Amino acid sequence: MAMARLQYLEMPTGDLAASRAFYTAAFAWTFTGYGPDYAATTTGDTDVGLDAGADRVTRPLPVIEVDDLASVQAAVERAGGTITVPVFAFPGGRRFHFRDPDGHELAVMQAD
């Protein structure tokens, strides 16, 4: 299999400003805003996204970066994963969500 690494952790928040302030004060993280409902660290390591949008995830969502989205989706399904959100585009790439056999939801993304 090609590259697959934990690239991102997306977390829901009810108050984006308060969450940004907390993580900045606690860990000195710097966030970039992406509209009124989203902000993320952009270190290039494992980054954190804070999502206050109406359709935000309900739990922290690990995001795995790969270089071949279609083949990884097929592998996830063959291994017993269930696709919960089909492939969609977002600024910077495409991704899908799935549940593993234990019910954990994760996402897989491929950068543009």
PDB file of N, CA and C in Angstrom:
ATOM      1  N   MET A   1       0.854  -1.179   0.000  1.00  0.00           N
ATOM      2  CA  MET A   1       0.000   0.000   0.000  1.00  0.00           C
ATOM      3  C   MET A   1       0.898   1.240   0.000  1.00  0.00           C
ATOM      4  N   ALA A   2       0.412   2.268  -0.589  1.00  0.00           N
ATOM      5  CA  ALA A   2       1.136   3.537  -0.667  1.00  0.00           C
ATOM      6  C   ALA A   2       1.003   4.302   0.648  1.00  0.00           C
ATOM      7  N   MET A   3       1.340   5.555   0.625  1.00  0.00           N
ATOM      8  CA  MET A   3       1.337   6.406   1.806  1.00  0.00           C
ATOM      9  C   MET A   3      -0.042   6.463   2.467  1.00  0.00           C
ATOM     10  N   ALA A   4      -0.046   6.349   3.797  1.00  0.00           N
ATOM     11  CA  ALA A   4      -1.262   6.520   4.598  1.00  0.00           C
ATOM     12  C   ALA A   4      -0.816   6.974   5.971  1.00  0.00           C
ATOM     13  N   ARG A   5      -1.130   8.228   6.328  1.00  0.00           N
ATOM     14  CA  ARG A   5      -0.697   8.757   7.626  1.00  0.00           C
ATOM     15  C   ARG A   5      -1.808   9.584   8.253  1.00  0.00           C
ATOM     16  N   LEU A   6      -1.856   9.558   9.591  1.00  0.00           N
ATOM     17  CA  LEU A   6      -2.798  10.408  10.287  1.00  0.00           C
ATOM     18  C   LEU A   6      -2.366  11.846  10.048  1.00  0.00           C
ATOM     19  N   GLN A   7      -3.205  12.589   9.365  1.00  0.00           N
ATOM     20  CA  GLN A   7      -2.844  13.924   8.913  1.00  0.00           C
ATOM     21  C   GLN A   7      -3.584  15.007   9.669  1.00  0.00           C
ATOM     22  N   TYR A   8      -4.745  14.682  10.242  1.00  0.00           N
ATOM     23  CA  TYR A   8      -5.637  15.728  10.709  1.00  0.00           C
ATOM     24  C   TYR A   8      -6.567  15.164  11.763  1.00  0.00           C
ATOM     25  N   LEU A   9      -6.963  16.001  12.712  1.00  0.00           N
ATOM     26  CA  LEU A   9      -8.014  15.654  13.653  1.00  0.00           C
ATOM     27  C   LEU A   9      -9.017  16.787  13.622  1.00  0.00           C
ATOM     28  N   GLU A  10     -10.221  16.486  13.155  1.00  0.00           N
ATOM     29  CA  GLU A  10     -11.282  17.480  13.075  1.00  0.00           C
ATOM     30  C   GLU A  10     -12.149  17.346  14.314  1.00  0.00           C
ATOM     31  N   MET A  11     -12.400  18.468  14.998  1.00  0.00           N
ATOM     32  CA  MET A  11     -13.176  18.432  16.228  1.00  0.00           C
ATOM     33  C   MET A  11     -14.354  19.391  16.146  1.00  0.00           C
ATOM     34  N   PRO A  12     -15.524  18.962  16.606  1.00  0.00           N
ATOM     35  CA  PRO A  12     -16.684  19.848  16.615  1.00  0.00           C
ATOM     36  C   PRO A  12     -16.560  20.853  17.754  1.00  0.00           C
ATOM     37  N   THR A  13     -17.129  22.026  17.542  1.00  0.00           N
ATOM     38  CA  THR A  13     -17.176  23.032  18.592  1.00  0.00           C
ATOM     39  C   THR A  13     -18.465  23.834  18.465  1.00  0.00           C
ATOM     40  N   GLY A  14     -19.032  24.190  19.584  1.00  0.00           N
ATOM     41  CA  GLY A  14     -20.213  25.039  19.582  1.00  0.00           C
ATOM     42  C   GLY A  14     -19.858  26.513  19.600  1.00  0.00           C
ATOM     43  N   ASP A  15     -18.600  26.825  19.926  1.00  0.00           N
ATOM     44  CA  ASP A  15     -18.160  28.218  20.019  1.00  0.00           C
ATOM     45  C   ASP A  15     -16.736  28.293  19.474  1.00  0.00           C
ATOM     46  N   LEU A  16     -16.622  28.630  18.215  1.00  0.00           N
ATOM     47  CA  LEU A  16     -15.320  28.635  17.547  1.00  0.00           C
ATOM     48  C   LEU A  16     -14.332  29.581  18.222  1.00  0.00           C
ATOM     49  N   ALA A  17     -14.761  30.770  18.553  1.00  0.00           N
ATOM     50  CA  ALA A  17     -13.855  31.740  19.179  1.00  0.00           C
ATOM     51  C   ALA A  17     -13.329  31.226  20.515  1.00  0.00           C
ATOM     52  N   ALA A  18     -14.195  30.650  21.321  1.00  0.00           N
ATOM     53  CA  ALA A  18     -13.775  30.127  22.622  1.00  0.00           C
ATOM     54  C   ALA A  18     -12.822  28.946  22.462  1.00  0.00           C
ATOM     55  N   SER A  19     -13.089  28.067  21.507  1.00  0.00           N
ATOM     56  CA  SER A  19     -12.203  26.926  21.285  1.00  0.00           C
ATOM     57  C   SER A  19     -10.835  27.379  20.799  1.00  0.00           C
ATOM     58  N   ARG A  20     -10.823  28.325  19.857  1.00  0.00           N
ATOM     59  CA  ARG A  20      -9.540  28.868  19.385  1.00  0.00           C
ATOM     60  C   ARG A  20      -8.761  29.471  20.544  1.00  0.00           C
ATOM     61  N   ALA A  21      -9.445  30.252  21.368  1.00  0.00           N
ATOM     62  CA  ALA A  21      -8.786  30.899  22.508  1.00  0.00           C
ATOM     63  C   ALA A  21      -8.223  29.865  23.481  1.00  0.00           C
ATOM     64  N   PHE A  22      -8.979  28.808  23.754  1.00  0.00           N
ATOM     65  CA  PHE A  22      -8.522  27.767  24.672  1.00  0.00           C
ATOM     66  C   PHE A  22      -7.252  27.103  24.161  1.00  0.00           C
ATOM     67  N   TYR A  23      -7.268  26.605  22.913  1.00  0.00           N
ATOM     68  CA  TYR A  23      -6.112  25.872  22.392  1.00  0.00           C
ATOM     69  C   TYR A  23      -4.904  26.778  22.161  1.00  0.00           C
ATOM     70  N   THR A  24      -5.159  28.053  21.884  1.00  0.00           N
ATOM     71  CA  THR A  24      -4.058  29.000  21.763  1.00  0.00           C
ATOM     72  C   THR A  24      -3.411  29.230  23.130  1.00  0.00           C
ATOM     73  N   ALA A  25      -4.239  29.431  24.166  1.00  0.00           N
ATOM     74  CA  ALA A  25      -3.714  29.662  25.517  1.00  0.00           C
ATOM     75  C   ALA A  25      -3.052  28.416  26.099  1.00  0.00           C
ATOM     76  N   ALA A  26      -3.663  27.258  25.883  1.00  0.00           N
ATOM     77  CA  ALA A  26      -3.155  26.024  26.492  1.00  0.00           C
ATOM     78  C   ALA A  26      -1.915  25.477  25.798  1.00  0.00           C
ATOM     79  N   PHE A  27      -1.865  25.580  24.460  1.00  0.00           N
ATOM     80  CA  PHE A  27      -0.789  24.933  23.716  1.00  0.00           C
ATOM     81  C   PHE A  27      -0.024  25.858  22.773  1.00  0.00           C
ATOM     82  N   ALA A  28      -0.386  27.137  22.764  1.00  0.00           N
ATOM     83  CA  ALA A  28       0.239  28.126  21.866  1.00  0.00           C
ATOM     84  C   ALA A  28       0.044  27.761  20.392  1.00  0.00           C
ATOM     85  N   TRP A  29      -1.078  27.099  20.081  1.00  0.00           N
ATOM     86  CA  TRP A  29      -1.382  26.770  18.688  1.00  0.00           C
ATOM     87  C   TRP A  29      -1.870  28.015  17.970  1.00  0.00           C
ATOM     88  N   THR A  30      -1.499  28.143  16.727  1.00  0.00           N
ATOM     89  CA  THR A  30      -1.947  29.233  15.869  1.00  0.00           C
ATOM     90  C   THR A  30      -2.945  28.674  14.870  1.00  0.00           C
ATOM     91  N   PHE A  31      -4.086  29.335  14.725  1.00  0.00           N
ATOM     92  CA  PHE A  31      -5.138  28.875  13.826  1.00  0.00           C
ATOM     93  C   PHE A  31      -5.305  29.823  12.647  1.00  0.00           C
ATOM     94  N   THR A  32      -5.630  29.252  11.509  1.00  0.00           N
ATOM     95  CA  THR A  32      -6.011  30.005  10.323  1.00  0.00           C
ATOM     96  C   THR A  32      -7.514  29.844  10.165  1.00  0.00           C
ATOM     97  N   GLY A  33      -8.218  30.948   9.959  1.00  0.00           N
ATOM     98  CA  GLY A  33      -9.662  30.898   9.764  1.00  0.00           C
ATOM     99  C   GLY A  33     -10.013  30.557   8.329  1.00  0.00           C
ATOM    100  N   TYR A  34     -11.010  29.716   8.174  1.00  0.00           N
ATOM    101  CA  TYR A  34     -11.542  29.336   6.855  1.00  0.00           C
ATOM    102  C   TYR A  34     -13.038  29.595   6.866  1.00  0.00           C
ATOM    103  N   GLY A  35     -13.408  30.849   6.824  1.00  0.00           N
ATOM    104  CA  GLY A  35     -14.807  31.220   6.912  1.00  0.00           C
ATOM    105  C   GLY A  35     -15.217  31.392   8.364  1.00  0.00           C
ATOM    106  N   PRO A  36     -16.497  31.678   8.593  1.00  0.00           N
ATOM    107  CA  PRO A  36     -16.959  31.988   9.949  1.00  0.00           C
ATOM    108  C   PRO A  36     -17.092  30.770  10.859  1.00  0.00           C
ATOM    109  N   ASP A  37     -17.061  29.557  10.293  1.00  0.00           N
ATOM    110  CA  ASP A  37     -17.346  28.360  11.087  1.00  0.00           C
ATOM    111  C   ASP A  37     -16.196  27.368  11.178  1.00  0.00           C
ATOM    112  N   TYR A  38     -15.008  27.734  10.694  1.00  0.00           N
ATOM    113  CA  TYR A  38     -13.930  26.746  10.665  1.00  0.00           C
ATOM    114  C   TYR A  38     -12.580  27.416  10.849  1.00  0.00           C
ATOM    115  N   ALA A  39     -11.706  26.783  11.611  1.00  0.00           N
ATOM    116  CA  ALA A  39     -10.329  27.233  11.783  1.00  0.00           C
ATOM    117  C   ALA A  39      -9.459  26.002  11.969  1.00  0.00           C
ATOM    118  N   ALA A  40      -8.197  26.102  11.562  1.00  0.00           N
ATOM    119  CA  ALA A  40      -7.309  24.950  11.657  1.00  0.00           C
ATOM    120  C   ALA A  40      -5.876  25.381  11.870  1.00  0.00           C
ATOM    121  N   THR A  41      -5.127  24.510  12.544  1.00  0.00           N
ATOM    122  CA  THR A  41      -3.691  24.701  12.596  1.00  0.00           C
ATOM    123  C   THR A  41      -3.150  24.293  11.217  1.00  0.00           C
ATOM    124  N   THR A  42      -2.027  24.845  10.842  1.00  0.00           N
ATOM    125  CA  THR A  42      -1.457  24.530   9.528  1.00  0.00           C
ATOM    126  C   THR A  42       0.042  24.291   9.650  1.00  0.00           C
ATOM    127  N   THR A  43       0.405  23.395  10.554  1.00  0.00           N
ATOM    128  CA  THR A  43       1.821  23.116  10.796  1.00  0.00           C
ATOM    129  C   THR A  43       2.413  22.194   9.747  1.00  0.00           C
ATOM    130  N   GLY A  44       1.559  21.400   9.085  1.00  0.00           N
ATOM    131  CA  GLY A  44       2.058  20.410   8.143  1.00  0.00           C
ATOM    132  C   GLY A  44       2.342  19.078   8.811  1.00  0.00           C
ATOM    133  N   ASP A  45       2.265  19.041  10.122  1.00  0.00           N
ATOM    134  CA  ASP A  45       2.398  17.789  10.862  1.00  0.00           C
ATOM    135  C   ASP A  45       0.977  17.238  11.002  1.00  0.00           C
ATOM    136  N   THR A  46       0.581  16.723  12.127  1.00  0.00           N
ATOM    137  CA  THR A  46      -0.812  16.350  12.346  1.00  0.00           C
ATOM    138  C   THR A  46      -1.530  17.597  12.836  1.00  0.00           C
ATOM    139  N   ASP A  47      -2.413  18.138  11.998  1.00  0.00           N
ATOM    140  CA  ASP A  47      -3.083  19.390  12.315  1.00  0.00           C
ATOM    141  C   ASP A  47      -4.444  19.152  12.939  1.00  0.00           C
ATOM    142  N   VAL A  48      -5.001  20.215  13.537  1.00  0.00           N
ATOM    143  CA  VAL A  48      -6.293  20.168  14.204  1.00  0.00           C
ATOM    144  C   VAL A  48      -7.225  21.178  13.545  1.00  0.00           C
ATOM    145  N   GLY A  49      -8.434  20.720  13.216  1.00  0.00           N
ATOM    146  CA  GLY A  49      -9.460  21.597  12.679  1.00  0.00           C
ATOM    147  C   GLY A  49     -10.585  21.734  13.684  1.00  0.00           C
ATOM    148  N   LEU A  50     -11.092  22.939  13.842  1.00  0.00           N
ATOM    149  CA  LEU A  50     -12.229  23.215  14.724  1.00  0.00           C
ATOM    150  C   LEU A  50     -13.410  23.590  13.848  1.00  0.00           C
ATOM    151  N   ASP A  51     -14.482  22.818  13.961  1.00  0.00           N
ATOM    152  CA  ASP A  51     -15.631  22.980  13.074  1.00  0.00           C
ATOM    153  C   ASP A  51     -16.867  23.383  13.869  1.00  0.00           C
ATOM    154  N   ALA A  52     -17.371  24.589  13.594  1.00  0.00           N
ATOM    155  CA  ALA A  52     -18.583  25.087  14.244  1.00  0.00           C
ATOM    156  C   ALA A  52     -19.751  25.152  13.265  1.00  0.00           C
ATOM    157  N   GLY A  53     -19.607  24.552  12.091  1.00  0.00           N
ATOM    158  CA  GLY A  53     -20.648  24.600  11.073  1.00  0.00           C
ATOM    159  C   GLY A  53     -21.870  23.792  11.456  1.00  0.00           C
ATOM    160  N   ALA A  54     -22.971  24.081  10.799  1.00  0.00           N
ATOM    161  CA  ALA A  54     -24.235  23.393  11.081  1.00  0.00           C
ATOM    162  C   ALA A  54     -24.145  21.887  10.813  1.00  0.00           C
ATOM    163  N   ASP A  55     -23.319  21.468   9.857  1.00  0.00           N
ATOM    164  CA  ASP A  55     -23.207  20.043   9.524  1.00  0.00           C
ATOM    165  C   ASP A  55     -21.916  19.434  10.067  1.00  0.00           C
ATOM    166  N   ARG A  56     -21.407  19.985  11.168  1.00  0.00           N
ATOM    167  CA  ARG A  56     -20.143  19.511  11.742  1.00  0.00           C
ATOM    168  C   ARG A  56     -20.267  18.081  12.258  1.00  0.00           C
ATOM    169  N   VAL A  57     -19.120  17.447  12.385  1.00  0.00           N
ATOM    170  CA  VAL A  57     -19.086  16.109  12.965  1.00  0.00           C
ATOM    171  C   VAL A  57     -19.528  16.213  14.420  1.00  0.00           C
ATOM    172  N   THR A  58     -19.968  15.100  14.993  1.00  0.00           N
ATOM    173  CA  THR A  58     -20.436  15.130  16.375  1.00  0.00           C
ATOM    174  C   THR A  58     -19.374  14.660  17.359  1.00  0.00           C
ATOM    175  N   ARG A  59     -18.300  14.050  16.848  1.00  0.00           N
ATOM    176  CA  ARG A  59     -17.183  13.571  17.673  1.00  0.00           C
ATOM    177  C   ARG A  59     -15.892  13.905  16.948  1.00  0.00           C
ATOM    178  N   PRO A  60     -14.765  13.873  17.665  1.00  0.00           N
ATOM    179  CA  PRO A  60     -13.497  14.063  16.956  1.00  0.00           C
ATOM    180  C   PRO A  60     -13.378  13.072  15.802  1.00  0.00           C
ATOM    181  N   LEU A  61     -12.866  13.556  14.676  1.00  0.00           N
ATOM    182  CA  LEU A  61     -12.783  12.758  13.454  1.00  0.00           C
ATOM    183  C   LEU A  61     -11.330  12.690  12.985  1.00  0.00           C
ATOM    184  N   PRO A  62     -10.666  11.540  13.176  1.00  0.00           N
ATOM    185  CA  PRO A  62      -9.321  11.392  12.629  1.00  0.00           C
ATOM    186  C   PRO A  62      -9.390  11.351  11.098  1.00  0.00           C
ATOM    187  N   VAL A  63      -8.461  12.034  10.449  1.00  0.00           N
ATOM    188  CA  VAL A  63      -8.410  12.077   8.984  1.00  0.00           C
ATOM    189  C   VAL A  63      -7.065  11.502   8.539  1.00  0.00           C
ATOM    190  N   ILE A  64      -7.128  10.470   7.718  1.00  0.00           N
ATOM    191  CA  ILE A  64      -5.939   9.800   7.207  1.00  0.00           C
ATOM    192  C   ILE A  64      -5.680  10.294   5.791  1.00  0.00           C
ATOM    193  N   GLU A  65      -4.472  10.763   5.531  1.00  0.00           N
ATOM    194  CA  GLU A  65      -4.097  11.220   4.197  1.00  0.00           C
ATOM    195  C   GLU A  65      -3.505  10.060   3.401  1.00  0.00           C
ATOM    196  N   VAL A  66      -3.954   9.929   2.163  1.00  0.00           N
ATOM    197  CA  VAL A  66      -3.447   8.892   1.260  1.00  0.00           C
ATOM    198  C   VAL A  66      -3.145   9.524  -0.091  1.00  0.00           C
ATOM    199  N   ASP A  67      -2.474   8.759  -0.946  1.00  0.00           N
ATOM    200  CA  ASP A  67      -2.185   9.292  -2.276  1.00  0.00           C
ATOM    201  C   ASP A  67      -3.007   8.627  -3.374  1.00  0.00           C
ATOM    202  N   ASP A  68      -3.925   7.727  -3.007  1.00  0.00           N
ATOM    203  CA  ASP A  68      -4.813   7.093  -3.988  1.00  0.00           C
ATOM    204  C   ASP A  68      -6.150   6.810  -3.315  1.00  0.00           C
ATOM    205  N   LEU A  69      -7.025   7.793  -3.336  1.00  0.00           N
ATOM    206  CA  LEU A  69      -8.293   7.716  -2.614  1.00  0.00           C
ATOM    207  C   LEU A  69      -9.149   6.527  -3.047  1.00  0.00           C
ATOM    208  N   ALA A  70      -9.254   6.299  -4.346  1.00  0.00           N
ATOM    209  CA  ALA A  70     -10.122   5.229  -4.849  1.00  0.00           C
ATOM    210  C   ALA A  70      -9.650   3.853  -4.386  1.00  0.00           C
ATOM    211  N   SER A  71      -8.348   3.600  -4.450  1.00  0.00           N
ATOM    212  CA  SER A  71      -7.871   2.275  -4.052  1.00  0.00           C
ATOM    213  C   SER A  71      -8.011   2.069  -2.544  1.00  0.00           C
ATOM    214  N   VAL A  72      -7.843   3.130  -1.763  1.00  0.00           N
ATOM    215  CA  VAL A  72      -8.002   3.002  -0.318  1.00  0.00           C
ATOM    216  C   VAL A  72      -9.469   2.797   0.042  1.00  0.00           C
ATOM    217  N   GLN A  73     -10.376   3.469  -0.661  1.00  0.00           N
ATOM    218  CA  GLN A  73     -11.792   3.238  -0.390  1.00  0.00           C
ATOM    219  C   GLN A  73     -12.144   1.772  -0.656  1.00  0.00           C
ATOM    220  N   ALA A  74     -11.660   1.223  -1.750  1.00  0.00           N
ATOM    221  CA  ALA A  74     -11.913  -0.187  -2.051  1.00  0.00           C
ATOM    222  C   ALA A  74     -11.322  -1.087  -0.966  1.00  0.00           C
ATOM    223  N   ALA A  75     -10.123  -0.761  -0.485  1.00  0.00           N
ATOM    224  CA  ALA A  75      -9.485  -1.564   0.560  1.00  0.00           C
ATOM    225  C   ALA A  75     -10.262  -1.481   1.870  1.00  0.00           C
ATOM    226  N   VAL A  76     -10.758  -0.288   2.212  1.00  0.00           N
ATOM    227  CA  VAL A  76     -11.562  -0.115   3.429  1.00  0.00           C
ATOM    228  C   VAL A  76     -12.808  -0.991   3.348  1.00  0.00           C
ATOM    229  N   GLU A  77     -13.474  -0.983   2.204  1.00  0.00           N
ATOM    230  CA  GLU A  77     -14.690  -1.796   2.047  1.00  0.00           C
ATOM    231  C   GLU A  77     -14.369  -3.287   2.097  1.00  0.00           C
ATOM    232  N   ARG A  78     -13.298  -3.717   1.438  1.00  0.00           N
ATOM    233  CA  ARG A  78     -12.901  -5.136   1.467  1.00  0.00           C
ATOM    234  C   ARG A  78     -12.568  -5.592   2.881  1.00  0.00           C
ATOM    235  N   ALA A  79     -12.003  -4.683   3.673  1.00  0.00           N
ATOM    236  CA  ALA A  79     -11.597  -5.025   5.037  1.00  0.00           C
ATOM    237  C   ALA A  79     -12.765  -5.021   6.022  1.00  0.00           C
ATOM    238  N   GLY A  80     -13.952  -4.611   5.581  1.00  0.00           N
ATOM    239  CA  GLY A  80     -15.122  -4.630   6.447  1.00  0.00           C
ATOM    240  C   GLY A  80     -15.577  -3.272   6.927  1.00  0.00           C
ATOM    241  N   GLY A  81     -14.987  -2.190   6.399  1.00  0.00           N
ATOM    242  CA  GLY A  81     -15.433  -0.843   6.751  1.00  0.00           C
ATOM    243  C   GLY A  81     -16.711  -0.494   6.006  1.00  0.00           C
ATOM    244  N   THR A  82     -17.482   0.420   6.559  1.00  0.00           N
ATOM    245  CA  THR A  82     -18.727   0.879   5.956  1.00  0.00           C
ATOM    246  C   THR A  82     -18.599   2.353   5.606  1.00  0.00           C
ATOM    247  N   ILE A  83     -18.805   2.698   4.355  1.00  0.00           N
ATOM    248  CA  ILE A  83     -18.736   4.086   3.925  1.00  0.00           C
ATOM    249  C   ILE A  83     -19.946   4.825   4.499  1.00  0.00           C
ATOM    250  N   THR A  84     -19.698   5.924   5.224  1.00  0.00           N
ATOM    251  CA  THR A  84     -20.777   6.701   5.824  1.00  0.00           C
ATOM    252  C   THR A  84     -21.012   8.013   5.084  1.00  0.00           C
ATOM    253  N   VAL A  85     -19.978   8.557   4.442  1.00  0.00           N
ATOM    254  CA  VAL A  85     -20.094   9.769   3.626  1.00  0.00           C
ATOM    255  C   VAL A  85     -19.320   9.505   2.351  1.00  0.00           C
ATOM    256  N   PRO A  86     -19.997   9.485   1.198  1.00  0.00           N
ATOM    257  CA  PRO A  86     -19.294   9.212  -0.053  1.00  0.00           C
ATOM    258  C   PRO A  86     -18.265  10.305  -0.375  1.00  0.00           C
ATOM    259  N   VAL A  87     -17.412  10.032  -1.317  1.00  0.00           N
ATOM    260  CA  VAL A  87     -16.361  10.971  -1.704  1.00  0.00           C
ATOM    261  C   VAL A  87     -16.965  12.332  -2.041  1.00  0.00           C
ATOM    262  N   PHE A  88     -16.359  13.376  -1.483  1.00  0.00           N
ATOM    263  CA  PHE A  88     -16.764  14.745  -1.790  1.00  0.00           C
ATOM    264  C   PHE A  88     -15.519  15.612  -1.869  1.00  0.00           C
ATOM    265  N   ALA A  89     -15.651  16.724  -2.582  1.00  0.00           N
ATOM    266  CA  ALA A  89     -14.546  17.668  -2.723  1.00  0.00           C
ATOM    267  C   ALA A  89     -14.628  18.713  -1.618  1.00  0.00           C
ATOM    268  N   PHE A  90     -13.473  19.179  -1.187  1.00  0.00           N
ATOM    269  CA  PHE A  90     -13.365  20.290  -0.245  1.00  0.00           C
ATOM    270  C   PHE A  90     -12.168  21.118  -0.696  1.00  0.00           C
ATOM    271  N   PRO A  91     -12.025  22.335  -0.212  1.00  0.00           N
ATOM    272  CA  PRO A  91     -10.881  23.140  -0.644  1.00  0.00           C
ATOM    273  C   PRO A  91      -9.568  22.421  -0.309  1.00  0.00           C
ATOM    274  N   GLY A  92      -8.852  22.004  -1.327  1.00  0.00           N
ATOM    275  CA  GLY A  92      -7.572  21.332  -1.122  1.00  0.00           C
ATOM    276  C   GLY A  92      -7.570  19.850  -1.421  1.00  0.00           C
ATOM    277  N   GLY A  93      -8.736  19.262  -1.680  1.00  0.00           N
ATOM    278  CA  GLY A  93      -8.722  17.829  -1.969  1.00  0.00           C
ATOM    279  C   GLY A  93     -10.095  17.195  -2.015  1.00  0.00           C
ATOM    280  N   ARG A  94     -10.100  15.877  -1.804  1.00  0.00           N
ATOM    281  CA  ARG A  94     -11.331  15.077  -1.766  1.00  0.00           C
ATOM    282  C   ARG A  94     -11.218  14.120  -0.596  1.00  0.00           C
ATOM    283  N   ARG A  95     -12.379  13.697  -0.054  1.00  0.00           N
ATOM    284  CA  ARG A  95     -12.345  12.739   1.054  1.00  0.00           C
ATOM    285  C   ARG A  95     -13.644  11.968   1.141  1.00  0.00           C
ATOM    286  N   PHE A  96     -13.611  10.892   1.913  1.00  0.00           N
ATOM    287  CA  PHE A  96     -14.797  10.131   2.285  1.00  0.00           C
ATOM    288  C   PHE A  96     -14.686   9.774   3.759  1.00  0.00           C
ATOM    289  N   HIS A  97     -15.828   9.413   4.365  1.00  0.00           N
ATOM    290  CA  HIS A  97     -15.850   8.978   5.763  1.00  0.00           C
ATOM    291  C   HIS A  97     -16.265   7.509   5.796  1.00  0.00           C
ATOM    292  N   PHE A  98     -15.801   6.813   6.826  1.00  0.00           N
ATOM    293  CA  PHE A  98     -16.182   5.410   6.995  1.00  0.00           C
ATOM    294  C   PHE A  98     -16.216   5.058   8.475  1.00  0.00           C
ATOM    295  N   ARG A  99     -16.877   3.945   8.779  1.00  0.00           N
ATOM    296  CA  ARG A  99     -16.856   3.368  10.125  1.00  0.00           C
ATOM    297  C   ARG A  99     -16.081   2.061  10.052  1.00  0.00           C
ATOM    298  N   ASP A 100     -15.203   1.872  11.037  1.00  0.00           N
ATOM    299  CA  ASP A 100     -14.477   0.607  11.115  1.00  0.00           C
ATOM    300  C   ASP A 100     -15.381  -0.436  11.775  1.00  0.00           C
ATOM    301  N   PRO A 101     -14.953  -1.697  11.850  1.00  0.00           N
ATOM    302  CA  PRO A 101     -15.817  -2.727  12.442  1.00  0.00           C
ATOM    303  C   PRO A 101     -16.221  -2.462  13.893  1.00  0.00           C
ATOM    304  N   ASP A 102     -15.471  -1.623  14.624  1.00  0.00           N
ATOM    305  CA  ASP A 102     -15.833  -1.287  15.994  1.00  0.00           C
ATOM    306  C   ASP A 102     -16.760  -0.079  16.083  1.00  0.00           C
ATOM    307  N   GLY A 103     -17.083   0.531  14.936  1.00  0.00           N
ATOM    308  CA  GLY A 103     -18.006   1.654  14.916  1.00  0.00           C
ATOM    309  C   GLY A 103     -17.350   3.021  14.966  1.00  0.00           C
ATOM    310  N   HIS A 104     -16.015   3.082  14.985  1.00  0.00           N
ATOM    311  CA  HIS A 104     -15.314   4.370  14.985  1.00  0.00           C
ATOM    312  C   HIS A 104     -15.413   5.014  13.615  1.00  0.00           C
ATOM    313  N   GLU A 105     -15.746   6.305  13.585  1.00  0.00           N
ATOM    314  CA  GLU A 105     -15.788   7.004  12.303  1.00  0.00           C
ATOM    315  C   GLU A 105     -14.451   7.691  12.063  1.00  0.00           C
ATOM    316  N   LEU A 106     -13.955   7.531  10.839  1.00  0.00           N
ATOM    317  CA  LEU A 106     -12.715   8.158  10.393  1.00  0.00           C
ATOM    318  C   LEU A 106     -12.969   8.714   8.999  1.00  0.00           C
ATOM    319  N   ALA A 107     -12.041   9.530   8.526  1.00  0.00           N
ATOM    320  CA  ALA A 107     -12.104  10.042   7.167  1.00  0.00           C
ATOM    321  C   ALA A 107     -10.786   9.729   6.475  1.00  0.00           C
ATOM    322  N   VAL A 108     -10.858   9.635   5.159  1.00  0.00           N
ATOM    323  CA  VAL A 108      -9.668   9.440   4.327  1.00  0.00           C
ATOM    324  C   VAL A 108      -9.673  10.547   3.288  1.00  0.00           C
ATOM    325  N   MET A 109      -8.524  11.233   3.145  1.00  0.00           N
ATOM    326  CA  MET A 109      -8.457  12.348   2.199  1.00  0.00           C
ATOM    327  C   MET A 109      -7.256  12.203   1.280  1.00  0.00           C
ATOM    328  N   GLN A 110      -7.423  12.786   0.102  1.00  0.00           N
ATOM    329  CA  GLN A 110      -6.329  12.912  -0.870  1.00  0.00           C
ATOM    330  C   GLN A 110      -6.243  14.367  -1.269  1.00  0.00           C
ATOM    331  N   ALA A 111      -5.052  14.940  -1.117  1.00  0.00           N
ATOM    332  CA  ALA A 111      -4.852  16.337  -1.489  1.00  0.00           C
ATOM    333  C   ALA A 111      -4.866  16.486  -3.011  1.00  0.00           C
ATOM    334  N   ASP A 112      -5.289  17.685  -3.467  1.00  0.00           N
ATOM    335  CA  ASP A 112      -5.260  17.985  -4.897  1.00  0.00           C
ATOM    336  C   ASP A 112      -3.835  18.048  -5.410  1.00  0.00           C
TER     337      ASP A 112
END
